[in-house]
Amino acid sequence: MSGYRIDASDMISGMADWFERAEKGMQMFAETAAIKMAGRMRDSAPWTDRTGHARQRLTGYSSRVANGFRITLSHGVWYGVYLEYAHEQRFAIIDPTIMDMGVREVVPAWQKLTFQIVVR
């Protein structure tokens, strides 16, 4: 009986490249979403600026975690926690941004992106 030889090295390296490209795409998506969410927070913060520091130091960044990516939004001033939770949360900006932009825009776009990556 004659033997057949199959060289799968090209397929394996192609799959490795595909996984790297998919991960880079997801990383870029998360970074872009974090930047856009930080910009939205700065534009729509409900308080009146005294020094402008609280608005300027609203930040968003993404990081790789074990099972995906995490977008973190934060204040860069010590009194940011009071803006978020004091005064019946009238000056909160992080939770409203997550509920508005995160739930309505980022999560559906992420689902479409990951679906396209899996299907291709």
N, C-alpha and C. Protein backbone atom coordinates (compact mmCIF):
# COMPACT_ATOMS: atom_id res chain seq x y z
N MET A 1 0.84 -1.18 0.00
CA MET A 1 0.00 0.00 0.00
C MET A 1 0.89 1.24 0.00
N SER A 2 0.62 2.15 -0.92
CA SER A 2 1.45 3.36 -0.99
C SER A 2 0.95 4.38 0.02
N GLY A 3 1.90 5.15 0.59
CA GLY A 3 1.54 6.13 1.61
C GLY A 3 1.37 7.52 1.01
N TYR A 4 0.52 8.25 1.62
CA TYR A 4 0.31 9.63 1.19
C TYR A 4 0.97 10.55 2.19
N ARG A 5 1.51 11.60 1.69
CA ARG A 5 2.15 12.57 2.54
C ARG A 5 1.40 13.88 2.44
N ILE A 6 1.03 14.42 3.58
CA ILE A 6 0.32 15.70 3.60
C ILE A 6 1.19 16.68 4.39
N ASP A 7 1.49 17.79 3.76
CA ASP A 7 2.27 18.83 4.44
C ASP A 7 1.30 19.92 4.90
N ALA A 8 1.03 19.96 6.18
CA ALA A 8 0.07 20.92 6.75
C ALA A 8 0.76 22.14 7.34
N SER A 9 2.05 22.29 7.11
CA SER A 9 2.78 23.40 7.73
C SER A 9 2.27 24.76 7.24
N ASP A 10 1.94 24.88 5.96
CA ASP A 10 1.41 26.15 5.46
C ASP A 10 0.06 26.47 6.09
N MET A 11 -0.77 25.46 6.25
CA MET A 11 -2.07 25.68 6.86
C MET A 11 -1.92 26.08 8.33
N ILE A 12 -1.03 25.45 9.02
CA ILE A 12 -0.82 25.75 10.43
C ILE A 12 -0.27 27.16 10.61
N SER A 13 0.71 27.55 9.79
CA SER A 13 1.25 28.90 9.90
C SER A 13 0.20 29.94 9.49
N GLY A 14 -0.63 29.59 8.52
CA GLY A 14 -1.71 30.50 8.12
C GLY A 14 -2.72 30.70 9.23
N MET A 15 -3.03 29.63 9.96
CA MET A 15 -3.95 29.74 11.09
C MET A 15 -3.34 30.58 12.20
N ALA A 16 -2.06 30.41 12.45
CA ALA A 16 -1.38 31.21 13.48
C ALA A 16 -1.41 32.69 13.09
N ASP A 17 -1.15 32.98 11.83
CA ASP A 17 -1.22 34.37 11.36
C ASP A 17 -2.63 34.92 11.50
N TRP A 18 -3.63 34.10 11.18
CA TRP A 18 -5.02 34.53 11.29
C TRP A 18 -5.37 34.86 12.73
N PHE A 19 -4.95 34.04 13.67
CA PHE A 19 -5.22 34.31 15.08
C PHE A 19 -4.55 35.60 15.54
N GLU A 20 -3.32 35.83 15.10
CA GLU A 20 -2.62 37.07 15.45
C GLU A 20 -3.34 38.29 14.90
N ARG A 21 -3.77 38.20 13.64
CA ARG A 21 -4.49 39.32 13.03
C ARG A 21 -5.82 39.56 13.72
N ALA A 22 -6.52 38.49 14.07
CA ALA A 22 -7.81 38.62 14.77
C ALA A 22 -7.60 39.29 16.12
N GLU A 23 -6.58 38.87 16.85
CA GLU A 23 -6.32 39.46 18.16
C GLU A 23 -5.93 40.93 18.04
N LYS A 24 -5.11 41.25 17.04
CA LYS A 24 -4.74 42.66 16.81
C LYS A 24 -5.98 43.50 16.49
N GLY A 25 -6.88 42.96 15.68
CA GLY A 25 -8.11 43.67 15.35
C GLY A 25 -8.97 43.92 16.57
N MET A 26 -9.09 42.91 17.42
CA MET A 26 -9.89 43.08 18.64
C MET A 26 -9.22 44.07 19.59
N GLN A 27 -7.89 44.04 19.67
CA GLN A 27 -7.17 44.98 20.51
C GLN A 27 -7.37 46.41 20.01
N MET A 28 -7.29 46.62 18.71
CA MET A 28 -7.49 47.95 18.15
C MET A 28 -8.92 48.43 18.39
N PHE A 29 -9.88 47.53 18.27
CA PHE A 29 -11.27 47.88 18.53
C PHE A 29 -11.44 48.35 19.97
N ALA A 30 -10.89 47.58 20.93
CA ALA A 30 -11.03 47.93 22.34
C ALA A 30 -10.34 49.26 22.65
N GLU A 31 -9.17 49.49 22.08
CA GLU A 31 -8.46 50.76 22.30
C GLU A 31 -9.27 51.94 21.74
N THR A 32 -9.79 51.77 20.55
CA THR A 32 -10.59 52.83 19.92
C THR A 32 -11.85 53.11 20.72
N ALA A 33 -12.51 52.06 21.17
CA ALA A 33 -13.73 52.23 21.97
C ALA A 33 -13.43 52.96 23.27
N ALA A 34 -12.33 52.63 23.92
CA ALA A 34 -11.95 53.29 25.18
C ALA A 34 -11.68 54.77 24.95
N ILE A 35 -11.01 55.10 23.88
CA ILE A 35 -10.71 56.51 23.56
C ILE A 35 -12.00 57.27 23.27
N LYS A 36 -12.89 56.66 22.49
CA LYS A 36 -14.17 57.31 22.17
C LYS A 36 -15.03 57.51 23.41
N MET A 37 -15.04 56.53 24.30
CA MET A 37 -15.83 56.64 25.52
C MET A 37 -15.26 57.74 26.42
N ALA A 38 -13.93 57.85 26.50
CA ALA A 38 -13.32 58.92 27.29
C ALA A 38 -13.67 60.28 26.70
N GLY A 39 -13.66 60.38 25.40
CA GLY A 39 -14.04 61.64 24.75
C GLY A 39 -15.49 62.00 25.01
N ARG A 40 -16.36 61.00 24.96
CA ARG A 40 -17.77 61.24 25.25
C ARG A 40 -17.95 61.71 26.69
N MET A 41 -17.20 61.11 27.61
CA MET A 41 -17.30 61.54 29.02
C MET A 41 -16.86 63.00 29.16
N ARG A 42 -15.77 63.36 28.50
CA ARG A 42 -15.29 64.75 28.60
C ARG A 42 -16.29 65.72 27.99
N ASP A 43 -16.92 65.34 26.89
CA ASP A 43 -17.87 66.22 26.22
C ASP A 43 -19.17 66.39 26.98
N SER A 44 -19.60 65.36 27.70
CA SER A 44 -20.92 65.43 28.32
C SER A 44 -20.90 65.36 29.84
N ALA A 45 -19.78 65.64 30.46
CA ALA A 45 -19.73 65.67 31.92
C ALA A 45 -20.71 66.73 32.43
N PRO A 46 -21.58 66.38 33.39
CA PRO A 46 -22.67 67.27 33.78
C PRO A 46 -22.32 68.35 34.81
N TRP A 47 -21.09 68.42 35.25
CA TRP A 47 -20.75 69.41 36.26
C TRP A 47 -20.22 70.69 35.63
N THR A 48 -20.21 71.75 36.41
CA THR A 48 -19.64 73.03 35.98
C THR A 48 -18.16 73.04 36.36
N ASP A 49 -17.33 73.29 35.38
CA ASP A 49 -15.88 73.29 35.64
C ASP A 49 -15.48 74.49 36.48
N ARG A 50 -14.63 74.23 37.45
CA ARG A 50 -13.99 75.30 38.21
C ARG A 50 -12.56 75.46 37.72
N THR A 51 -11.83 74.33 37.72
CA THR A 51 -10.45 74.35 37.24
C THR A 51 -10.30 73.61 35.92
N GLY A 52 -11.22 72.75 35.59
CA GLY A 52 -11.14 71.96 34.36
C GLY A 52 -10.36 70.66 34.54
N HIS A 53 -9.77 70.44 35.72
CA HIS A 53 -8.95 69.26 35.93
C HIS A 53 -9.76 67.97 35.87
N ALA A 54 -10.94 67.96 36.47
CA ALA A 54 -11.74 66.73 36.48
C ALA A 54 -12.12 66.32 35.07
N ARG A 55 -12.50 67.26 34.25
CA ARG A 55 -12.88 66.96 32.86
C ARG A 55 -11.66 66.51 32.06
N GLN A 56 -10.54 67.20 32.22
CA GLN A 56 -9.33 66.88 31.46
C GLN A 56 -8.79 65.50 31.81
N ARG A 57 -8.98 65.06 33.03
CA ARG A 57 -8.37 63.81 33.48
C ARG A 57 -9.31 62.60 33.43
N LEU A 58 -10.44 62.74 32.79
CA LEU A 58 -11.28 61.57 32.53
C LEU A 58 -10.55 60.72 31.49
N THR A 59 -10.35 59.46 31.80
CA THR A 59 -9.56 58.61 30.91
C THR A 59 -10.26 57.30 30.61
N GLY A 60 -9.84 56.71 29.53
CA GLY A 60 -10.31 55.39 29.15
C GLY A 60 -9.16 54.64 28.51
N TYR A 61 -9.00 53.39 28.87
CA TYR A 61 -7.96 52.57 28.25
C TYR A 61 -8.43 51.12 28.22
N SER A 62 -7.76 50.34 27.40
CA SER A 62 -8.12 48.93 27.29
C SER A 62 -6.92 48.09 27.71
N SER A 63 -7.22 46.88 28.15
CA SER A 63 -6.16 45.96 28.54
C SER A 63 -6.59 44.54 28.20
N ARG A 64 -5.61 43.70 27.98
CA ARG A 64 -5.85 42.28 27.69
C ARG A 64 -6.07 41.55 29.00
N VAL A 65 -7.10 40.75 29.06
CA VAL A 65 -7.36 39.89 30.21
C VAL A 65 -7.42 38.44 29.72
N ALA A 66 -7.56 37.52 30.64
CA ALA A 66 -7.47 36.10 30.30
C ALA A 66 -8.44 35.69 29.20
N ASN A 67 -9.66 36.19 29.23
CA ASN A 67 -10.65 35.72 28.26
C ASN A 67 -11.12 36.82 27.31
N GLY A 68 -10.33 37.85 27.09
CA GLY A 68 -10.71 38.90 26.16
C GLY A 68 -10.01 40.21 26.46
N PHE A 69 -10.78 41.28 26.38
CA PHE A 69 -10.24 42.62 26.61
C PHE A 69 -11.14 43.35 27.60
N ARG A 70 -10.55 44.26 28.33
CA ARG A 70 -11.30 45.04 29.32
C ARG A 70 -11.11 46.52 28.98
N ILE A 71 -12.22 47.26 29.01
CA ILE A 71 -12.17 48.71 28.85
C ILE A 71 -12.39 49.31 30.23
N THR A 72 -11.48 50.18 30.64
CA THR A 72 -11.55 50.81 31.95
C THR A 72 -11.74 52.31 31.77
N LEU A 73 -12.74 52.86 32.45
CA LEU A 73 -12.99 54.30 32.45
C LEU A 73 -12.76 54.80 33.86
N SER A 74 -12.09 55.95 33.99
CA SER A 74 -11.79 56.43 35.34
C SER A 74 -11.63 57.94 35.38
N HIS A 75 -11.71 58.44 36.61
CA HIS A 75 -11.39 59.82 36.92
C HIS A 75 -9.91 59.89 37.26
N GLY A 76 -9.29 61.00 36.98
CA GLY A 76 -7.88 61.18 37.34
C GLY A 76 -7.68 62.14 38.49
N VAL A 77 -8.77 62.54 39.12
CA VAL A 77 -8.67 63.45 40.27
C VAL A 77 -9.19 62.74 41.51
N TRP A 78 -8.68 63.13 42.65
CA TRP A 78 -9.04 62.45 43.90
C TRP A 78 -10.52 62.59 44.23
N TYR A 79 -11.17 63.64 43.80
CA TYR A 79 -12.57 63.86 44.14
C TYR A 79 -13.53 63.28 43.09
N GLY A 80 -13.00 62.51 42.16
CA GLY A 80 -13.84 61.88 41.14
C GLY A 80 -14.88 60.96 41.73
N VAL A 81 -14.53 60.27 42.81
CA VAL A 81 -15.49 59.37 43.46
C VAL A 81 -16.69 60.16 43.98
N TYR A 82 -16.46 61.39 44.44
CA TYR A 82 -17.57 62.21 44.92
C TYR A 82 -18.45 62.68 43.76
N LEU A 83 -17.83 62.96 42.63
CA LEU A 83 -18.62 63.34 41.46
C LEU A 83 -19.51 62.17 41.01
N GLU A 84 -19.01 60.96 41.17
CA GLU A 84 -19.76 59.78 40.73
C GLU A 84 -20.86 59.37 41.71
N TYR A 85 -20.61 59.47 43.00
CA TYR A 85 -21.53 58.87 43.96
C TYR A 85 -22.21 59.84 44.91
N ALA A 86 -21.71 61.05 45.08
CA ALA A 86 -22.35 61.99 46.00
C ALA A 86 -23.47 62.75 45.28
N HIS A 87 -24.24 63.50 46.03
CA HIS A 87 -25.30 64.36 45.49
C HIS A 87 -26.27 63.58 44.61
N GLU A 88 -26.67 62.40 45.09
CA GLU A 88 -27.62 61.54 44.38
C GLU A 88 -27.17 61.22 42.96
N GLN A 89 -25.88 61.17 42.75
CA GLN A 89 -25.24 60.83 41.48
C GLN A 89 -25.62 61.77 40.34
N ARG A 90 -25.96 63.01 40.66
CA ARG A 90 -26.31 63.99 39.61
C ARG A 90 -25.13 64.32 38.71
N PHE A 91 -23.90 64.16 39.23
CA PHE A 91 -22.71 64.52 38.46
C PHE A 91 -21.97 63.30 37.92
N ALA A 92 -22.58 62.14 38.02
CA ALA A 92 -21.95 60.91 37.55
C ALA A 92 -21.80 60.95 36.02
N ILE A 93 -20.68 60.43 35.55
CA ILE A 93 -20.45 60.37 34.12
C ILE A 93 -19.99 58.99 33.65
N ILE A 94 -19.34 58.24 34.51
CA ILE A 94 -18.83 56.93 34.09
C ILE A 94 -19.96 55.93 33.85
N ASP A 95 -20.81 55.72 34.84
CA ASP A 95 -21.92 54.77 34.66
C ASP A 95 -22.86 55.18 33.52
N PRO A 96 -23.24 56.46 33.42
CA PRO A 96 -24.09 56.82 32.26
C PRO A 96 -23.41 56.58 30.91
N THR A 97 -22.10 56.77 30.84
CA THR A 97 -21.39 56.52 29.58
C THR A 97 -21.38 55.03 29.27
N ILE A 98 -21.16 54.21 30.29
CA ILE A 98 -21.18 52.76 30.08
C ILE A 98 -22.57 52.32 29.62
N MET A 99 -23.60 52.83 30.29
CA MET A 99 -24.97 52.42 29.93
C MET A 99 -25.37 52.94 28.56
N ASP A 100 -24.97 54.14 28.22
CA ASP A 100 -25.36 54.72 26.95
C ASP A 100 -24.50 54.19 25.82
N MET A 101 -23.25 54.54 25.84
CA MET A 101 -22.36 54.20 24.74
C MET A 101 -21.92 52.73 24.78
N GLY A 102 -21.60 52.25 25.97
CA GLY A 102 -21.12 50.88 26.08
C GLY A 102 -22.15 49.85 25.68
N VAL A 103 -23.34 49.97 26.25
CA VAL A 103 -24.39 48.98 26.00
C VAL A 103 -25.00 49.16 24.62
N ARG A 104 -25.18 50.39 24.18
CA ARG A 104 -25.87 50.63 22.91
C ARG A 104 -24.96 50.59 21.69
N GLU A 105 -23.67 50.90 21.88
CA GLU A 105 -22.78 50.97 20.71
C GLU A 105 -21.64 49.96 20.74
N VAL A 106 -20.90 49.95 21.84
CA VAL A 106 -19.67 49.15 21.88
C VAL A 106 -19.98 47.65 21.90
N VAL A 107 -20.85 47.21 22.76
CA VAL A 107 -21.15 45.76 22.87
C VAL A 107 -21.74 45.22 21.57
N PRO A 108 -22.74 45.86 20.95
CA PRO A 108 -23.23 45.32 19.68
C PRO A 108 -22.16 45.29 18.58
N ALA A 109 -21.33 46.33 18.52
CA ALA A 109 -20.26 46.34 17.52
C ALA A 109 -19.24 45.24 17.80
N TRP A 110 -18.94 45.01 19.08
CA TRP A 110 -18.01 43.93 19.47
C TRP A 110 -18.58 42.57 19.06
N GLN A 111 -19.87 42.38 19.26
CA GLN A 111 -20.49 41.10 18.89
C GLN A 111 -20.42 40.89 17.38
N LYS A 112 -20.65 41.95 16.61
CA LYS A 112 -20.54 41.83 15.16
C LYS A 112 -19.11 41.51 14.74
N LEU A 113 -18.14 42.19 15.37
CA LEU A 113 -16.74 41.97 15.05
C LEU A 113 -16.33 40.53 15.35
N THR A 114 -16.63 40.06 16.54
CA THR A 114 -16.23 38.71 16.92
C THR A 114 -16.97 37.67 16.08
N PHE A 115 -18.21 37.93 15.72
CA PHE A 115 -18.96 37.00 14.86
C PHE A 115 -18.29 36.92 13.49
N GLN A 116 -17.89 38.06 12.94
CA GLN A 116 -17.23 38.07 11.63
C GLN A 116 -15.89 37.34 11.69
N ILE A 117 -15.19 37.50 12.80
CA ILE A 117 -13.90 36.82 12.92
C ILE A 117 -14.10 35.32 12.98
N VAL A 118 -15.09 34.87 13.72
CA VAL A 118 -15.34 33.43 13.87
C VAL A 118 -15.84 32.83 12.56
N VAL A 119 -16.71 33.53 11.85
CA VAL A 119 -17.30 33.00 10.61
C VAL A 119 -16.28 32.90 9.50
N ARG A 120 -15.39 33.86 9.42
CA ARG A 120 -14.40 33.85 8.32
C ARG A 120 -13.44 32.79 8.53
